[in-house]
Amino acid sequence: MTVTPADALRAIAIEPCTLDEGCESLRQEVRDFLAAELADLPPLERAKNWSAADPTFSRKLGARGWIGMTWPRACGGAERTSLERYVVLEELLAAGAPVGAHWVADRQSGPLLIRFAPQLAQRIAPSIAAGETFFCIGMSEPDTGSDLASVRTRAEPVQDGWVVRGTKLWTTGAHLAHYMIALVRTSGTPADRHKGLSQLLIDMRAPGVHVSPIHNMAGDHEFNTVLLDDVLVPHSHLIGEPGDGWKQVTSELAFERSGPERYLSNTQLLREMVGIAHAKDRAQTEGIGRLVADYAVLRQMSLGVAGMLMRAEDAGLAAALVKDQGALLEQRLPEVAHTLFADAALPPQSSFAQVQRYAQQASMGYSLRGGTREILRGIIARGLGLR
């Protein structure tokens, strides 16, 4: 059975969210900033969206208070609402801004430290909010597939802290990151599943940390392999308590899966489609209209999750639905573009053709990042009582 975004929205109770005048005023401020800052950014570069990294641009956002927006002031934040932050993210993604350098730290690493390691947060989070410190996530490993609980990277206790040995794979942004939050096994074996897992903050400049690039189908260097070869991590870099890693990482994934980046990664292609569509071509107008309708539903779902997070509610199921349905829409979009405009006879170097090719290649991985489709649907089935 095919599930549409509308079906998913009806399946769970997500309270509608309304953006107030303050949010819309902030939206205009962000639009004006981006119009000036990104005036010369070509469509193909905009198509790379939140996977593109520009540390200088991140620092400019930090200077305006648009990173760590909801965090306490003691951690460098602005103590603004989740909906205000959502508005900023929407505008950055819609414009194709190069936000990849700080994205992970702003989205989940900072909030994780603030919640479970406040002393570390007070020391490090202000530089995240300034757009000067970047993070990567050490979850996936070779030979574990989507089974996160079977991680093999071990952290052995020693007098000065922990010695970490293992390999992390598909680590986004590790080549730019100053720190990694790694899920490691501090006791037991992979057969113990969720027991014995902990999270450690690893300095990417520490001896024994080796980063190797992985280039994707589009030729971009976004992913990496990270070898942790007897890396010494001080006791103070343990996040939370030993053995609480699984509980912590599942709460972290709600932030990773629910944001507007889960359905706004291919916005530049939609812009290109609208730009070349003929108003009198019924197939083109209807095809684009259906896409826009799905975007509208996903936006309401994602906004609803932002509201749930603001109210400290459990957003795990809703976030999984947003991520699953967003990936389906974004992977469908290049195919719709090809179907509707295959006869347009546009030159290969036209902005539409360039963006369509890039989106086709990049979208292949959308069903993997943030949790594979099979894992997410298992979470959804259990949450809806279907399993």
Protein backbone atom coordinates (compact mmCIF):
# COMPACT_ATOMS: atom_id res chain seq x y z
CA MET A 1 0.00 0.00 0.00
CA THR A 2 1.32 3.43 -0.89
CA VAL A 3 1.30 5.97 1.95
CA THR A 4 1.05 9.65 1.01
CA PRO A 5 2.04 12.62 3.18
CA ALA A 6 -1.66 13.30 3.76
CA ASP A 7 -2.15 9.71 4.99
CA ALA A 8 0.80 10.13 7.36
CA LEU A 9 -0.57 13.41 8.72
CA ARG A 10 -3.91 11.75 9.50
CA ALA A 11 -2.21 8.76 11.13
CA ILE A 12 -0.90 10.71 14.12
CA ALA A 13 -2.14 13.71 16.02
CA ILE A 14 0.15 16.64 15.22
CA GLU A 15 -1.13 19.88 16.65
CA PRO A 16 -1.21 22.62 13.98
CA CYS A 17 1.21 25.50 14.48
CA THR A 18 0.63 29.11 13.52
CA LEU A 19 3.50 31.50 12.94
CA ASP A 20 2.95 34.89 14.57
CA GLU A 21 3.87 38.34 13.30
CA GLY A 22 7.25 38.15 14.99
CA CYS A 23 8.11 35.03 13.00
CA GLU A 24 7.05 36.61 9.71
CA SER A 25 9.03 39.76 10.49
CA LEU A 26 12.06 37.59 11.16
CA ARG A 27 11.42 35.78 7.87
CA GLN A 28 11.66 39.03 5.93
CA GLU A 29 14.87 39.96 7.76
CA VAL A 30 16.42 36.63 6.76
CA ARG A 31 15.23 36.97 3.16
CA ASP A 32 16.77 40.42 2.85
CA PHE A 33 20.06 39.16 4.26
CA LEU A 34 20.16 36.16 1.91
CA ALA A 35 19.20 38.21 -1.15
CA ALA A 36 22.27 40.35 -0.61
CA GLU A 37 24.64 37.66 0.65
CA LEU A 38 23.87 35.03 -2.00
CA ALA A 39 23.16 37.29 -4.96
CA ASP A 40 25.92 35.71 -7.07
CA LEU A 41 25.42 32.08 -6.01
CA PRO A 42 24.56 30.03 -9.15
CA PRO A 43 21.61 27.59 -9.23
CA LEU A 44 23.83 24.49 -9.28
CA GLU A 45 25.56 25.58 -6.07
CA ARG A 46 22.20 26.37 -4.48
CA ALA A 47 21.05 22.85 -5.39
CA LYS A 48 23.65 21.45 -3.00
CA ASN A 49 21.68 23.09 -0.22
CA TRP A 50 22.52 22.10 3.36
CA SER A 51 25.23 19.67 2.27
CA ALA A 52 27.35 22.58 1.02
CA ALA A 53 29.69 24.08 3.60
CA ASP A 54 31.09 27.60 3.84
CA PRO A 55 32.68 28.37 7.25
CA THR A 56 32.75 32.09 6.47
CA PHE A 57 29.01 32.10 5.79
CA SER A 58 28.43 30.15 9.04
CA ARG A 59 30.28 32.83 10.98
CA LYS A 60 28.09 35.51 9.42
CA LEU A 61 24.98 33.65 10.54
CA GLY A 62 26.46 33.29 14.01
CA ALA A 63 27.11 37.02 14.19
CA ARG A 64 23.41 37.63 13.54
CA GLY A 65 22.32 35.20 16.25
CA TRP A 66 20.91 32.63 13.83
CA ILE A 67 22.80 29.61 15.17
CA GLY A 68 21.84 28.12 18.54
CA MET A 69 18.77 30.32 18.50
CA THR A 70 16.81 28.39 21.14
CA TRP A 71 19.73 27.74 23.49
CA PRO A 72 20.23 29.40 26.90
CA ARG A 73 22.22 32.61 26.85
CA ALA A 74 24.79 30.97 29.13
CA CYS A 75 25.52 28.63 26.20
CA GLY A 76 25.73 31.38 23.61
CA GLY A 77 22.10 31.09 22.55
CA ALA A 78 19.44 33.73 22.01
CA GLU A 79 16.60 31.96 23.91
CA ARG A 80 14.25 32.32 20.96
CA THR A 81 11.44 29.89 20.14
CA SER A 82 11.63 26.70 18.08
CA LEU A 83 9.24 28.28 15.58
CA GLU A 84 11.50 31.30 15.10
CA ARG A 85 14.38 28.92 14.48
CA TYR A 86 12.21 26.98 12.05
CA VAL A 87 11.55 30.14 10.03
CA VAL A 88 15.28 30.82 9.71
CA LEU A 89 15.93 27.24 8.60
CA GLU A 90 13.14 27.40 6.01
CA GLU A 91 14.58 30.51 4.43
CA LEU A 92 18.15 29.18 4.43
CA LEU A 93 17.07 25.94 2.77
CA ALA A 94 14.76 27.61 0.26
CA ALA A 95 17.62 29.87 -0.80
CA GLY A 96 20.12 27.00 -1.05
CA ALA A 97 22.46 28.64 1.47
CA PRO A 98 25.76 26.80 2.20
CA VAL A 99 25.03 25.91 5.83
CA GLY A 100 26.66 22.47 6.01
CA ALA A 101 29.61 23.49 8.18
CA HIS A 102 27.56 24.30 11.29
CA TRP A 103 24.38 22.31 10.54
CA VAL A 104 24.99 19.22 12.67
CA ALA A 105 26.27 21.19 15.67
CA ASP A 106 23.31 23.57 15.58
CA ARG A 107 20.69 20.88 14.92
CA GLN A 108 21.64 18.19 17.41
CA SER A 109 25.13 18.23 18.91
CA GLY A 110 24.65 21.50 20.79
CA PRO A 111 21.23 20.54 22.20
CA LEU A 112 22.61 17.12 23.20
CA LEU A 113 25.46 18.71 25.17
CA ILE A 114 23.14 21.25 26.79
CA ARG A 115 20.83 18.47 27.97
CA PHE A 116 23.28 15.77 29.02
CA ALA A 117 26.67 17.49 29.50
CA PRO A 118 26.02 21.06 30.73
CA GLN A 119 29.64 21.69 31.75
CA LEU A 120 30.86 20.82 28.27
CA ALA A 121 28.05 22.89 26.77
CA GLN A 122 28.99 26.01 28.70
CA ARG A 123 32.55 25.68 27.41
CA ILE A 124 31.89 24.71 23.77
CA ALA A 125 28.36 25.77 22.80
CA PRO A 126 29.11 29.53 22.63
CA SER A 127 31.64 28.92 19.85
CA ILE A 128 29.06 26.75 18.03
CA ALA A 129 26.55 29.60 18.22
CA ALA A 130 29.21 31.96 16.86
CA GLY A 131 29.62 29.73 13.80
CA GLU A 132 33.21 28.92 14.70
CA THR A 133 33.05 25.32 15.95
CA PHE A 134 31.69 22.41 13.89
CA PHE A 135 30.65 18.87 14.81
CA CYS A 136 30.20 15.48 13.18
CA ILE A 137 28.30 12.42 14.39
CA GLY A 138 30.05 9.09 14.93
CA MET A 139 27.21 6.57 14.63
CA SER A 140 27.44 4.39 11.49
CA GLU A 141 30.14 1.73 11.22
CA PRO A 142 31.37 -0.83 8.67
CA ASP A 143 29.42 -4.11 8.62
CA THR A 144 26.66 -2.87 10.92
CA GLY A 145 24.31 -1.60 8.21
CA SER A 146 21.34 0.17 9.77
CA ASP A 147 21.65 -1.74 13.04
CA LEU A 148 22.96 1.10 15.17
CA ALA A 149 22.82 -0.96 18.36
CA SER A 150 25.49 -3.34 17.02
CA VAL A 151 28.32 -0.77 17.02
CA ARG A 152 31.73 -2.27 17.68
CA THR A 153 33.83 0.80 18.44
CA ARG A 154 35.05 0.32 22.00
CA ALA A 155 36.11 2.73 24.72
CA GLU A 156 38.25 1.12 27.41
CA PRO A 157 38.57 2.94 30.75
CA VAL A 158 42.10 4.00 31.73
CA GLN A 159 43.45 6.28 34.43
CA ASP A 160 43.25 9.42 32.30
CA GLY A 161 39.90 8.69 30.66
CA TRP A 162 38.96 6.36 27.83
CA VAL A 163 40.97 4.80 24.99
CA VAL A 164 38.80 4.52 21.87
CA ARG A 165 39.40 2.02 19.06
CA GLY A 166 37.17 1.54 16.03
CA THR A 167 35.97 2.94 12.72
CA LYS A 168 33.08 5.25 11.90
CA LEU A 169 31.69 5.31 8.35
CA TRP A 170 29.64 7.82 6.28
CA THR A 171 30.56 10.51 8.77
CA THR A 172 29.22 13.73 7.29
CA GLY A 173 31.50 16.74 7.60
CA ALA A 174 34.25 14.99 9.56
CA HIS A 175 36.89 16.73 7.42
CA LEU A 176 35.64 20.11 8.68
CA ALA A 177 34.60 19.16 12.21
CA HIS A 178 36.39 20.18 15.37
CA TYR A 179 34.57 17.54 17.45
CA MET A 180 32.76 14.24 17.01
CA ILE A 181 30.06 12.89 19.29
CA ALA A 182 30.68 9.16 19.02
CA LEU A 183 28.44 6.29 20.05
CA VAL A 184 30.78 3.68 21.54
CA ARG A 185 30.60 0.51 23.57
CA THR A 186 31.97 1.00 27.08
CA SER A 187 30.92 -2.45 28.34
CA GLY A 188 29.54 -5.74 27.09
CA THR A 189 29.49 -6.90 23.47
CA PRO A 190 27.43 -6.10 20.33
CA ALA A 191 25.20 -9.03 21.33
CA ASP A 192 24.10 -7.01 24.37
CA ARG A 193 22.31 -4.64 21.99
CA HIS A 194 21.37 -1.41 23.78
CA LYS A 195 23.28 -2.11 26.99
CA GLY A 196 26.76 -0.76 27.52
CA LEU A 197 26.58 2.03 24.94
CA SER A 198 27.85 5.49 25.79
CA GLN A 199 28.56 8.77 24.01
CA LEU A 200 31.94 10.48 24.05
CA LEU A 201 33.02 13.89 22.80
CA ILE A 202 36.14 13.33 20.67
CA ASP A 203 38.50 16.12 19.65
CA MET A 204 39.08 15.60 15.91
CA ARG A 205 42.59 17.01 16.31
CA ALA A 206 43.57 14.39 18.91
CA PRO A 207 46.35 11.91 18.10
CA GLY A 208 44.97 8.72 16.55
CA VAL A 209 42.06 10.36 14.68
CA HIS A 210 42.40 9.72 10.93
CA VAL A 211 39.85 11.06 8.39
CA SER A 212 39.58 9.69 4.83
CA PRO A 213 37.21 11.20 2.22
CA ILE A 214 34.30 9.40 0.54
CA HIS A 215 33.06 11.07 -2.65
CA ASN A 216 29.42 10.62 -3.59
CA MET A 217 27.89 9.99 -7.04
CA ALA A 218 27.80 13.71 -7.74
CA GLY A 219 31.52 14.01 -7.03
CA ASP A 220 31.06 15.93 -3.77
CA HIS A 221 33.12 15.31 -0.66
CA GLU A 222 30.52 15.21 2.09
CA PHE A 223 31.08 11.80 3.71
CA ASN A 224 34.17 10.37 5.39
CA THR A 225 35.62 7.31 7.05
CA VAL A 226 37.05 8.06 10.49
CA LEU A 227 39.57 5.67 12.02
CA LEU A 228 39.92 5.97 15.80
CA ASP A 229 43.27 4.41 16.64
CA ASP A 230 43.85 4.38 20.42
CA VAL A 231 42.39 7.86 20.84
CA LEU A 232 42.58 9.11 24.44
CA VAL A 233 39.39 10.85 25.53
CA PRO A 234 39.38 12.55 28.97
CA HIS A 235 36.84 11.57 31.62
CA SER A 236 35.24 15.01 31.33
CA HIS A 237 34.24 14.25 27.72
CA LEU A 238 31.79 11.52 28.67
CA ILE A 239 28.29 12.73 27.74
CA GLY A 240 25.74 11.73 30.35
CA GLU A 241 26.34 8.54 32.29
CA PRO A 242 28.08 5.35 31.12
CA GLY A 243 25.53 3.04 29.52
CA ASP A 244 23.03 5.81 28.72
CA GLY A 245 24.19 6.16 25.13
CA TRP A 246 21.22 4.44 23.50
CA LYS A 247 18.67 6.56 25.35
CA GLN A 248 20.58 9.70 24.48
CA VAL A 249 21.14 8.87 20.82
CA THR A 250 17.46 8.09 20.22
CA SER A 251 16.48 11.49 21.63
CA GLU A 252 19.13 13.07 19.40
CA LEU A 253 17.69 11.41 16.31
CA ALA A 254 14.37 13.23 16.80
CA PHE A 255 16.23 16.49 16.06
CA GLU A 256 18.00 14.93 13.07
CA ARG A 257 14.87 13.54 11.42
CA SER A 258 12.25 16.24 11.93
CA GLY A 259 13.66 19.44 10.46
CA PRO A 260 12.69 21.12 7.19
CA GLU A 261 15.88 19.84 5.56
CA ARG A 262 14.10 16.47 5.32
CA TYR A 263 11.82 17.79 2.59
CA LEU A 264 13.48 21.00 1.37
CA SER A 265 16.73 19.57 0.00
CA ASN A 266 15.55 19.75 -3.62
CA THR A 267 13.85 23.14 -3.55
CA GLN A 268 16.13 24.51 -6.27
CA LEU A 269 14.84 21.93 -8.73
CA LEU A 270 11.27 22.89 -7.96
CA ARG A 271 12.20 26.54 -8.56
CA GLU A 272 13.71 25.60 -11.91
CA MET A 273 10.57 23.66 -12.87
CA VAL A 274 8.34 26.60 -12.03
CA GLY A 275 10.62 28.91 -13.99
CA ILE A 276 10.31 27.00 -17.28
CA ALA A 277 6.76 25.65 -16.99
CA HIS A 278 4.12 26.85 -19.48
CA ALA A 279 0.91 28.06 -17.87
CA LYS A 280 -1.17 26.47 -20.64
CA ASP A 281 0.50 23.06 -20.34
CA ARG A 282 -1.94 21.14 -18.17
CA ALA A 283 0.43 18.25 -17.42
CA GLN A 284 3.12 20.64 -16.19
CA THR A 285 0.82 22.78 -14.07
CA GLU A 286 -0.93 19.77 -12.53
CA GLY A 287 2.34 17.95 -11.89
CA ILE A 288 3.87 20.95 -10.15
CA GLY A 289 0.62 21.56 -8.28
CA ARG A 290 0.65 18.05 -6.84
CA LEU A 291 4.24 18.50 -5.69
CA VAL A 292 3.40 21.81 -4.02
CA ALA A 293 0.43 20.18 -2.25
CA ASP A 294 2.70 17.47 -0.84
CA TYR A 295 5.19 20.12 0.24
CA ALA A 296 2.40 21.96 2.07
CA VAL A 297 1.42 18.84 4.03
CA LEU A 298 5.03 18.03 4.91
CA ARG A 299 5.59 21.61 6.03
CA GLN A 300 2.64 21.35 8.42
CA MET A 301 3.97 18.05 9.75
CA SER A 302 7.47 19.44 10.24
CA LEU A 303 6.14 22.59 11.89
CA GLY A 304 4.07 20.41 14.17
CA VAL A 305 7.17 18.50 15.23
CA ALA A 306 8.92 21.82 15.94
CA GLY A 307 6.00 22.64 18.23
CA MET A 308 6.28 19.24 19.94
CA LEU A 309 9.98 19.79 20.59
CA MET A 310 9.23 23.26 21.95
CA ARG A 311 6.75 21.68 24.41
CA ALA A 312 9.28 18.96 25.33
CA GLU A 313 6.97 16.24 23.96
CA ASP A 314 8.14 12.92 22.52
CA ALA A 315 8.51 13.60 18.80
CA GLY A 316 10.18 10.33 17.79
CA LEU A 317 7.26 8.87 15.82
CA ALA A 318 6.29 12.14 14.15
CA ALA A 319 9.93 12.84 13.24
CA ALA A 320 10.27 9.40 11.64
CA LEU A 321 7.16 10.05 9.55
CA VAL A 322 8.45 13.44 8.39
CA LYS A 323 11.80 11.97 7.42
CA ASP A 324 10.27 8.99 5.58
CA GLN A 325 7.71 11.02 3.65
CA GLY A 326 10.15 13.83 2.94
CA ALA A 327 12.67 11.43 1.40
CA LEU A 328 9.96 9.91 -0.79
CA LEU A 329 8.92 13.32 -2.10
CA GLU A 330 12.47 14.47 -2.73
CA GLN A 331 13.41 11.28 -4.55
CA ARG A 332 10.28 11.54 -6.69
CA LEU A 333 10.92 15.13 -7.68
CA PRO A 334 13.76 14.53 -10.22
CA GLU A 335 11.66 11.86 -11.94
CA VAL A 336 8.68 14.20 -12.15
CA ALA A 337 10.95 16.89 -13.58
CA HIS A 338 12.21 14.49 -16.23
CA THR A 339 8.70 13.35 -17.15
CA LEU A 340 7.26 16.85 -17.41
CA PHE A 341 10.15 18.52 -19.25
CA ALA A 342 11.82 15.72 -21.24
CA ASP A 343 10.57 17.29 -24.47
CA ALA A 344 11.60 20.83 -23.58
CA ALA A 345 14.82 20.53 -25.63
CA LEU A 346 16.82 22.56 -23.10
CA PRO A 347 20.61 22.71 -23.60
CA PRO A 348 22.66 20.45 -21.28
CA GLN A 349 24.26 23.48 -19.64
CA SER A 350 20.98 25.22 -18.84
CA SER A 351 20.41 25.77 -15.12
CA PHE A 352 17.42 23.39 -15.20
CA ALA A 353 19.44 20.58 -16.80
CA GLN A 354 22.37 21.04 -14.38
CA VAL A 355 20.15 21.11 -11.31
CA GLN A 356 18.05 18.17 -12.51
CA ARG A 357 21.15 16.01 -13.06
CA TYR A 358 22.57 16.91 -9.66
CA ALA A 359 19.27 16.26 -7.88
CA GLN A 360 18.90 12.88 -9.59
CA GLN A 361 22.32 11.78 -8.36
CA ALA A 362 22.18 13.31 -4.88
CA SER A 363 18.67 12.12 -4.07
CA MET A 364 19.74 8.47 -4.29
CA GLY A 365 21.10 8.77 -0.75
CA TYR A 366 18.12 10.52 0.80
CA SER A 367 16.60 7.22 1.94
CA LEU A 368 19.79 6.43 3.89
CA ARG A 369 20.75 9.59 5.75
CA GLY A 370 19.15 10.03 9.15
CA GLY A 371 18.08 6.36 9.23
CA THR A 372 17.28 3.99 6.40
CA ARG A 373 13.75 3.65 5.11
CA GLU A 374 13.37 0.14 6.50
CA ILE A 375 14.42 1.16 10.00
CA LEU A 376 12.16 4.22 9.98
CA ARG A 377 9.18 2.22 8.83
CA GLY A 378 9.78 -0.26 11.63
CA ILE A 379 9.64 2.65 14.09
CA ILE A 380 6.49 3.97 12.42
CA ALA A 381 4.78 0.56 12.42
CA ARG A 382 5.48 0.03 16.12
CA GLY A 383 4.39 3.57 16.96
CA LEU A 384 1.09 3.15 15.12
CA GLY A 385 0.45 -0.27 16.65
CA LEU A 386 0.84 -2.06 13.32
CA ARG A 387 3.52 -4.43 14.61
